[in-house]
Amino acid sequence: MTEKTSKITFEEAMVQLEEIVEKLEQGDVPLEESIDLYQQGMKLSKLCHTKLQNVEKKMDTILHEDGKEEPFAIQEEDH
């Protein structure tokens, strides 16, 4: 992954990935360009996956007022 790619936001990466998929689905892209687009798409896909994993890790832990970290758990209401 290039430094430029690693600094983009999740949303920017998704837009770029959607554009790549659209170009590849049209089918009128030369083979060499298709391969380059595919490789770029895979890098963007991996970047999005990594960013989502990082968000999940952050959501798994809630920081309490005393600074103690505890696993995130949703308490269900009693019916």
PDB file of N, CA and C in Angstrom:
ATOM      1  N   MET A   1       0.846  -1.173   0.000  1.00  0.00           N
ATOM      2  CA  MET A   1       0.000   0.000   0.000  1.00  0.00           C
ATOM      3  C   MET A   1       0.894   1.240   0.000  1.00  0.00           C
ATOM      4  N   THR A   2       0.574   2.195  -0.828  1.00  0.00           N
ATOM      5  CA  THR A   2       1.361   3.405  -0.873  1.00  0.00           C
ATOM      6  C   THR A   2       0.973   4.306   0.273  1.00  0.00           C
ATOM      7  N   GLU A   3       1.857   5.273   0.585  1.00  0.00           N
ATOM      8  CA  GLU A   3       1.565   6.217   1.660  1.00  0.00           C
ATOM      9  C   GLU A   3       0.305   7.005   1.336  1.00  0.00           C
ATOM     10  N   LYS A   4       0.123   7.342   0.054  1.00  0.00           N
ATOM     11  CA  LYS A   4      -1.059   8.087  -0.379  1.00  0.00           C
ATOM     12  C   LYS A   4      -2.327   7.285  -0.107  1.00  0.00           C
ATOM     13  N   THR A   5      -2.304   5.996  -0.404  1.00  0.00           N
ATOM     14  CA  THR A   5      -3.470   5.140  -0.203  1.00  0.00           C
ATOM     15  C   THR A   5      -3.779   4.968   1.279  1.00  0.00           C
ATOM     16  N   SER A   6      -2.765   4.821   2.123  1.00  0.00           N
ATOM     17  CA  SER A   6      -3.003   4.552   3.536  1.00  0.00           C
ATOM     18  C   SER A   6      -3.551   5.758   4.291  1.00  0.00           C
ATOM     19  N   LYS A   7      -3.468   6.963   3.723  1.00  0.00           N
ATOM     20  CA  LYS A   7      -3.941   8.156   4.408  1.00  0.00           C
ATOM     21  C   LYS A   7      -5.348   8.584   4.006  1.00  0.00           C
ATOM     22  N   ILE A   8      -5.964   7.864   3.086  1.00  0.00           N
ATOM     23  CA  ILE A   8      -7.310   8.247   2.682  1.00  0.00           C
ATOM     24  C   ILE A   8      -8.319   7.705   3.692  1.00  0.00           C
ATOM     25  N   THR A   9      -9.474   8.323   3.721  1.00  0.00           N
ATOM     26  CA  THR A   9     -10.515   7.884   4.642  1.00  0.00           C
ATOM     27  C   THR A   9     -11.209   6.647   4.091  1.00  0.00           C
ATOM     28  N   PHE A  10     -11.974   5.999   4.951  1.00  0.00           N
ATOM     29  CA  PHE A  10     -12.748   4.840   4.546  1.00  0.00           C
ATOM     30  C   PHE A  10     -13.699   5.215   3.414  1.00  0.00           C
ATOM     31  N   GLU A  11     -14.367   6.341   3.577  1.00  0.00           N
ATOM     32  CA  GLU A  11     -15.335   6.786   2.575  1.00  0.00           C
ATOM     33  C   GLU A  11     -14.675   7.067   1.230  1.00  0.00           C
ATOM     34  N   GLU A  12     -13.501   7.700   1.247  1.00  0.00           N
ATOM     35  CA  GLU A  12     -12.777   7.977   0.005  1.00  0.00           C
ATOM     36  C   GLU A  12     -12.355   6.672  -0.679  1.00  0.00           C
ATOM     37  N   ALA A  13     -11.908   5.719   0.131  1.00  0.00           N
ATOM     38  CA  ALA A  13     -11.491   4.428  -0.415  1.00  0.00           C
ATOM     39  C   ALA A  13     -12.675   3.707  -1.048  1.00  0.00           C
ATOM     40  N   MET A  14     -13.836   3.779  -0.406  1.00  0.00           N
ATOM     41  CA  MET A  14     -15.035   3.126  -0.949  1.00  0.00           C
ATOM     42  C   MET A  14     -15.450   3.752  -2.276  1.00  0.00           C
ATOM     43  N   VAL A  15     -15.368   5.077  -2.379  1.00  0.00           N
ATOM     44  CA  VAL A  15     -15.722   5.759  -3.634  1.00  0.00           C
ATOM     45  C   VAL A  15     -14.774   5.302  -4.746  1.00  0.00           C
ATOM     46  N   GLN A  16     -13.478   5.275  -4.441  1.00  0.00           N
ATOM     47  CA  GLN A  16     -12.501   4.838  -5.444  1.00  0.00           C
ATOM     48  C   GLN A  16     -12.740   3.384  -5.843  1.00  0.00           C
ATOM     49  N   LEU A  17     -13.048   2.558  -4.874  1.00  0.00           N
ATOM     50  CA  LEU A  17     -13.298   1.145  -5.144  1.00  0.00           C
ATOM     51  C   LEU A  17     -14.541   0.976  -6.022  1.00  0.00           C
ATOM     52  N   GLU A  18     -15.588   1.734  -5.744  1.00  0.00           N
ATOM     53  CA  GLU A  18     -16.794   1.683  -6.567  1.00  0.00           C
ATOM     54  C   GLU A  18     -16.515   2.112  -8.008  1.00  0.00           C
ATOM     55  N   GLU A  19     -15.659   3.139  -8.175  1.00  0.00           N
ATOM     56  CA  GLU A  19     -15.306   3.598  -9.520  1.00  0.00           C
ATOM     57  C   GLU A  19     -14.543   2.512 -10.280  1.00  0.00           C
ATOM     58  N   ILE A  20     -13.646   1.833  -9.589  1.00  0.00           N
ATOM     59  CA  ILE A  20     -12.864   0.766 -10.208  1.00  0.00           C
ATOM     60  C   ILE A  20     -13.778  -0.375 -10.644  1.00  0.00           C
ATOM     61  N   VAL A  21     -14.678  -0.777  -9.760  1.00  0.00           N
ATOM     62  CA  VAL A  21     -15.608  -1.863 -10.080  1.00  0.00           C
ATOM     63  C   VAL A  21     -16.458  -1.491 -11.289  1.00  0.00           C
ATOM     64  N   GLU A  22     -16.928  -0.257 -11.312  1.00  0.00           N
ATOM     65  CA  GLU A  22     -17.749   0.204 -12.441  1.00  0.00           C
ATOM     66  C   GLU A  22     -16.976   0.109 -13.762  1.00  0.00           C
ATOM     67  N   LYS A  23     -15.707   0.566 -13.745  1.00  0.00           N
ATOM     68  CA  LYS A  23     -14.888   0.505 -14.959  1.00  0.00           C
ATOM     69  C   LYS A  23     -14.685  -0.940 -15.406  1.00  0.00           C
ATOM     70  N   LEU A  24     -14.391  -1.821 -14.438  1.00  0.00           N
ATOM     71  CA  LEU A  24     -14.144  -3.221 -14.784  1.00  0.00           C
ATOM     72  C   LEU A  24     -15.410  -3.904 -15.287  1.00  0.00           C
ATOM     73  N   GLU A  25     -16.561  -3.530 -14.736  1.00  0.00           N
ATOM     74  CA  GLU A  25     -17.818  -4.139 -15.176  1.00  0.00           C
ATOM     75  C   GLU A  25     -18.206  -3.718 -16.591  1.00  0.00           C
ATOM     76  N   GLN A  26     -17.749  -2.536 -17.025  1.00  0.00           N
ATOM     77  CA  GLN A  26     -18.064  -2.080 -18.381  1.00  0.00           C
ATOM     78  C   GLN A  26     -17.407  -2.974 -19.424  1.00  0.00           C
ATOM     79  N   GLY A  27     -16.253  -3.525 -19.089  1.00  0.00           N
ATOM     80  CA  GLY A  27     -15.606  -4.493 -19.963  1.00  0.00           C
ATOM     81  C   GLY A  27     -14.848  -3.929 -21.145  1.00  0.00           C
ATOM     82  N   ASP A  28     -14.771  -2.613 -21.279  1.00  0.00           N
ATOM     83  CA  ASP A  28     -14.067  -2.051 -22.425  1.00  0.00           C
ATOM     84  C   ASP A  28     -12.696  -1.487 -22.037  1.00  0.00           C
ATOM     85  N   VAL A  29     -12.120  -1.999 -20.963  1.00  0.00           N
ATOM     86  CA  VAL A  29     -10.815  -1.564 -20.489  1.00  0.00           C
ATOM     87  C   VAL A  29      -9.770  -2.547 -21.015  1.00  0.00           C
ATOM     88  N   PRO A  30      -8.657  -2.040 -21.566  1.00  0.00           N
ATOM     89  CA  PRO A  30      -7.592  -2.930 -22.041  1.00  0.00           C
ATOM     90  C   PRO A  30      -7.099  -3.854 -20.915  1.00  0.00           C
ATOM     91  N   LEU A  31      -6.609  -5.021 -21.290  1.00  0.00           N
ATOM     92  CA  LEU A  31      -6.195  -6.038 -20.329  1.00  0.00           C
ATOM     93  C   LEU A  31      -5.204  -5.509 -19.297  1.00  0.00           C
ATOM     94  N   GLU A  32      -4.157  -4.814 -19.743  1.00  0.00           N
ATOM     95  CA  GLU A  32      -3.138  -4.317 -18.823  1.00  0.00           C
ATOM     96  C   GLU A  32      -3.736  -3.340 -17.810  1.00  0.00           C
ATOM     97  N   GLU A  33      -4.625  -2.474 -18.303  1.00  0.00           N
ATOM     98  CA  GLU A  33      -5.269  -1.518 -17.404  1.00  0.00           C
ATOM     99  C   GLU A  33      -6.213  -2.241 -16.441  1.00  0.00           C
ATOM    100  N   SER A  34      -6.873  -3.278 -16.921  1.00  0.00           N
ATOM    101  CA  SER A  34      -7.763  -4.064 -16.065  1.00  0.00           C
ATOM    102  C   SER A  34      -6.996  -4.688 -14.908  1.00  0.00           C
ATOM    103  N   ILE A  35      -5.826  -5.208 -15.215  1.00  0.00           N
ATOM    104  CA  ILE A  35      -4.990  -5.824 -14.175  1.00  0.00           C
ATOM    105  C   ILE A  35      -4.575  -4.771 -13.153  1.00  0.00           C
ATOM    106  N   ASP A  36      -4.150  -3.602 -13.631  1.00  0.00           N
ATOM    107  CA  ASP A  36      -3.758  -2.512 -12.721  1.00  0.00           C
ATOM    108  C   ASP A  36      -4.938  -2.072 -11.853  1.00  0.00           C
ATOM    109  N   LEU A  37      -6.113  -1.942 -12.467  1.00  0.00           N
ATOM    110  CA  LEU A  37      -7.306  -1.545 -11.721  1.00  0.00           C
ATOM    111  C   LEU A  37      -7.662  -2.600 -10.681  1.00  0.00           C
ATOM    112  N   TYR A  38      -7.559  -3.865 -11.056  1.00  0.00           N
ATOM    113  CA  TYR A  38      -7.854  -4.953 -10.132  1.00  0.00           C
ATOM    114  C   TYR A  38      -6.917  -4.908  -8.929  1.00  0.00           C
ATOM    115  N   GLN A  39      -5.622  -4.713  -9.187  1.00  0.00           N
ATOM    116  CA  GLN A  39      -4.645  -4.647  -8.098  1.00  0.00           C
ATOM    117  C   GLN A  39      -4.930  -3.457  -7.186  1.00  0.00           C
ATOM    118  N   GLN A  40      -5.245  -2.317  -7.780  1.00  0.00           N
ATOM    119  CA  GLN A  40      -5.568  -1.135  -6.994  1.00  0.00           C
ATOM    120  C   GLN A  40      -6.833  -1.391  -6.164  1.00  0.00           C
ATOM    121  N   GLY A  41      -7.821  -2.045  -6.763  1.00  0.00           N
ATOM    122  CA  GLY A  41      -9.052  -2.379  -6.053  1.00  0.00           C
ATOM    123  C   GLY A  41      -8.805  -3.299  -4.870  1.00  0.00           C
ATOM    124  N   MET A  42      -7.919  -4.265  -5.039  1.00  0.00           N
ATOM    125  CA  MET A  42      -7.595  -5.184  -3.944  1.00  0.00           C
ATOM    126  C   MET A  42      -6.927  -4.436  -2.790  1.00  0.00           C
ATOM    127  N   LYS A  43      -6.051  -3.479  -3.114  1.00  0.00           N
ATOM    128  CA  LYS A  43      -5.406  -2.677  -2.066  1.00  0.00           C
ATOM    129  C   LYS A  43      -6.443  -1.842  -1.318  1.00  0.00           C
ATOM    130  N   LEU A  44      -7.360  -1.248  -2.062  1.00  0.00           N
ATOM    131  CA  LEU A  44      -8.405  -0.443  -1.435  1.00  0.00           C
ATOM    132  C   LEU A  44      -9.326  -1.313  -0.583  1.00  0.00           C
ATOM    133  N   SER A  45      -9.638  -2.511  -1.066  1.00  0.00           N
ATOM    134  CA  SER A  45     -10.474  -3.435  -0.314  1.00  0.00           C
ATOM    135  C   SER A  45      -9.800  -3.820   1.003  1.00  0.00           C
ATOM    136  N   LYS A  46      -8.515  -4.104   0.942  1.00  0.00           N
ATOM    137  CA  LYS A  46      -7.760  -4.458   2.154  1.00  0.00           C
ATOM    138  C   LYS A  46      -7.725  -3.272   3.118  1.00  0.00           C
ATOM    139  N   LEU A  47      -7.533  -2.074   2.587  1.00  0.00           N
ATOM    140  CA  LEU A  47      -7.519  -0.870   3.418  1.00  0.00           C
ATOM    141  C   LEU A  47      -8.858  -0.703   4.133  1.00  0.00           C
ATOM    142  N   CYS A  48      -9.961  -0.862   3.404  1.00  0.00           N
ATOM    143  CA  CYS A  48     -11.299  -0.737   4.004  1.00  0.00           C
ATOM    144  C   CYS A  48     -11.506  -1.793   5.081  1.00  0.00           C
ATOM    145  N   HIS A  49     -11.080  -3.009   4.808  1.00  0.00           N
ATOM    146  CA  HIS A  49     -11.215  -4.095   5.774  1.00  0.00           C
ATOM    147  C   HIS A  49     -10.436  -3.779   7.053  1.00  0.00           C
ATOM    148  N   THR A  50      -9.222  -3.293   6.896  1.00  0.00           N
ATOM    149  CA  THR A  50      -8.389  -2.944   8.052  1.00  0.00           C
ATOM    150  C   THR A  50      -9.023  -1.827   8.860  1.00  0.00           C
ATOM    151  N   LYS A  51      -9.525  -0.801   8.171  1.00  0.00           N
ATOM    152  CA  LYS A  51     -10.165   0.308   8.874  1.00  0.00           C
ATOM    153  C   LYS A  51     -11.398  -0.175   9.640  1.00  0.00           C
ATOM    154  N   LEU A  52     -12.178  -1.071   9.055  1.00  0.00           N
ATOM    155  CA  LEU A  52     -13.347  -1.610   9.743  1.00  0.00           C
ATOM    156  C   LEU A  52     -12.950  -2.439  10.968  1.00  0.00           C
ATOM    157  N   GLN A  53     -11.881  -3.213  10.840  1.00  0.00           N
ATOM    158  CA  GLN A  53     -11.398  -3.985  11.982  1.00  0.00           C
ATOM    159  C   GLN A  53     -10.978  -3.065  13.121  1.00  0.00           C
ATOM    160  N   ASN A  54     -10.320  -1.954  12.780  1.00  0.00           N
ATOM    161  CA  ASN A  54      -9.898  -1.008  13.808  1.00  0.00           C
ATOM    162  C   ASN A  54     -11.090  -0.386  14.516  1.00  0.00           C
ATOM    163  N   VAL A  55     -12.131  -0.080  13.766  1.00  0.00           N
ATOM    164  CA  VAL A  55     -13.340   0.483  14.366  1.00  0.00           C
ATOM    165  C   VAL A  55     -13.985  -0.548  15.286  1.00  0.00           C
ATOM    166  N   GLU A  56     -14.031  -1.802  14.853  1.00  0.00           N
ATOM    167  CA  GLU A  56     -14.608  -2.854  15.692  1.00  0.00           C
ATOM    168  C   GLU A  56     -13.853  -2.976  17.008  1.00  0.00           C
ATOM    169  N   LYS A  57     -12.520  -2.916  16.960  1.00  0.00           N
ATOM    170  CA  LYS A  57     -11.721  -2.996  18.180  1.00  0.00           C
ATOM    171  C   LYS A  57     -12.039  -1.840  19.118  1.00  0.00           C
ATOM    172  N   LYS A  58     -12.200  -0.644  18.551  1.00  0.00           N
ATOM    173  CA  LYS A  58     -12.533   0.522  19.375  1.00  0.00           C
ATOM    174  C   LYS A  58     -13.911   0.372  19.990  1.00  0.00           C
ATOM    175  N   MET A  59     -14.841  -0.186  19.235  1.00  0.00           N
ATOM    176  CA  MET A  59     -16.205  -0.351  19.735  1.00  0.00           C
ATOM    177  C   MET A  59     -16.289  -1.451  20.790  1.00  0.00           C
ATOM    178  N   ASP A  60     -15.362  -2.386  20.779  1.00  0.00           N
ATOM    179  CA  ASP A  60     -15.371  -3.474  21.747  1.00  0.00           C
ATOM    180  C   ASP A  60     -14.987  -3.006  23.149  1.00  0.00           C
ATOM    181  N   THR A  61     -14.428  -1.840  23.255  1.00  0.00           N
ATOM    182  CA  THR A  61     -13.973  -1.351  24.550  1.00  0.00           C
ATOM    183  C   THR A  61     -14.549   0.030  24.814  1.00  0.00           C
ATOM    184  N   ILE A  62     -15.065   0.200  26.010  1.00  0.00           N
ATOM    185  CA  ILE A  62     -15.559   1.510  26.433  1.00  0.00           C
ATOM    186  C   ILE A  62     -14.618   2.012  27.519  1.00  0.00           C
ATOM    187  N   LEU A  63     -14.218   3.254  27.389  1.00  0.00           N
ATOM    188  CA  LEU A  63     -13.339   3.851  28.378  1.00  0.00           C
ATOM    189  C   LEU A  63     -14.196   4.530  29.438  1.00  0.00           C
ATOM    190  N   HIS A  64     -14.097   4.056  30.701  1.00  0.00           N
ATOM    191  CA  HIS A  64     -14.884   4.605  31.798  1.00  0.00           C
ATOM    192  C   HIS A  64     -14.208   5.835  32.397  1.00  0.00           C
ATOM    193  N   GLU A  65     -14.938   6.575  33.216  1.00  0.00           N
ATOM    194  CA  GLU A  65     -14.429   7.808  33.823  1.00  0.00           C
ATOM    195  C   GLU A  65     -13.130   7.583  34.581  1.00  0.00           C
ATOM    196  N   ASP A  66     -12.979   6.428  35.217  1.00  0.00           N
ATOM    197  CA  ASP A  66     -11.767   6.155  35.994  1.00  0.00           C
ATOM    198  C   ASP A  66     -10.603   5.680  35.124  1.00  0.00           C
ATOM    199  N   GLY A  67     -10.820   5.627  33.806  1.00  0.00           N
ATOM    200  CA  GLY A  67      -9.762   5.225  32.885  1.00  0.00           C
ATOM    201  C   GLY A  67      -9.655   3.732  32.690  1.00  0.00           C
ATOM    202  N   LYS A  68     -10.494   2.987  33.402  1.00  0.00           N
ATOM    203  CA  LYS A  68     -10.466   1.529  33.277  1.00  0.00           C
ATOM    204  C   LYS A  68     -11.221   1.100  32.023  1.00  0.00           C
ATOM    205  N   GLU A  69     -10.603   0.239  31.236  1.00  0.00           N
ATOM    206  CA  GLU A  69     -11.238  -0.251  30.023  1.00  0.00           C
ATOM    207  C   GLU A  69     -11.971  -1.543  30.318  1.00  0.00           C
ATOM    208  N   GLU A  70     -13.193  -1.652  29.813  1.00  0.00           N
ATOM    209  CA  GLU A  70     -13.978  -2.870  29.965  1.00  0.00           C
ATOM    210  C   GLU A  70     -14.542  -3.262  28.604  1.00  0.00           C
ATOM    211  N   PRO A  71     -14.752  -4.548  28.387  1.00  0.00           N
ATOM    212  CA  PRO A  71     -15.351  -4.965  27.121  1.00  0.00           C
ATOM    213  C   PRO A  71     -16.731  -4.336  26.939  1.00  0.00           C
ATOM    214  N   PHE A  72     -17.044  -4.011  25.720  1.00  0.00           N
ATOM    215  CA  PHE A  72     -18.337  -3.422  25.393  1.00  0.00           C
ATOM    216  C   PHE A  72     -19.383  -4.528  25.359  1.00  0.00           C
ATOM    217  N   ALA A  73     -20.480  -4.335  26.102  1.00  0.00           N
ATOM    218  CA  ALA A  73     -21.560  -5.327  26.114  1.00  0.00           C
ATOM    219  C   ALA A  73     -22.879  -4.589  26.102  1.00  0.00           C
ATOM    220  N   ILE A  74     -23.790  -5.044  25.291  1.00  0.00           N
ATOM    221  CA  ILE A  74     -25.115  -4.456  25.240  1.00  0.00           C
ATOM    222  C   ILE A  74     -25.992  -5.222  26.222  1.00  0.00           C
ATOM    223  N   GLN A  75     -26.594  -4.480  27.140  1.00  0.00           N
ATOM    224  CA  GLN A  75     -27.476  -5.117  28.104  1.00  0.00           C
ATOM    225  C   GLN A  75     -28.895  -5.110  27.553  1.00  0.00           C
ATOM    226  N   GLU A  76     -29.494  -6.279  27.531  1.00  0.00           N
ATOM    227  CA  GLU A  76     -30.841  -6.387  27.012  1.00  0.00           C
ATOM    228  C   GLU A  76     -31.841  -6.047  28.113  1.00  0.00           C
ATOM    229  N   GLU A  77     -32.944  -5.444  27.705  1.00  0.00           N
ATOM    230  CA  GLU A  77     -33.996  -5.109  28.650  1.00  0.00           C
ATOM    231  C   GLU A  77     -34.779  -6.355  29.019  1.00  0.00           C
ATOM    232  N   ASP A  78     -35.211  -6.424  30.292  1.00  0.00           N
ATOM    233  CA  ASP A  78     -36.083  -7.511  30.720  1.00  0.00           C
ATOM    234  C   ASP A  78     -37.492  -7.210  30.287  1.00  0.00           C
ATOM    235  N   HIS A  79     -38.161  -8.199  29.754  1.00  0.00           N
ATOM    236  CA  HIS A  79     -39.547  -8.007  29.296  1.00  0.00           C
ATOM    237  C   HIS A  79     -40.512  -8.561  30.271  1.00  0.00           C
TER     238      HIS A  79
END
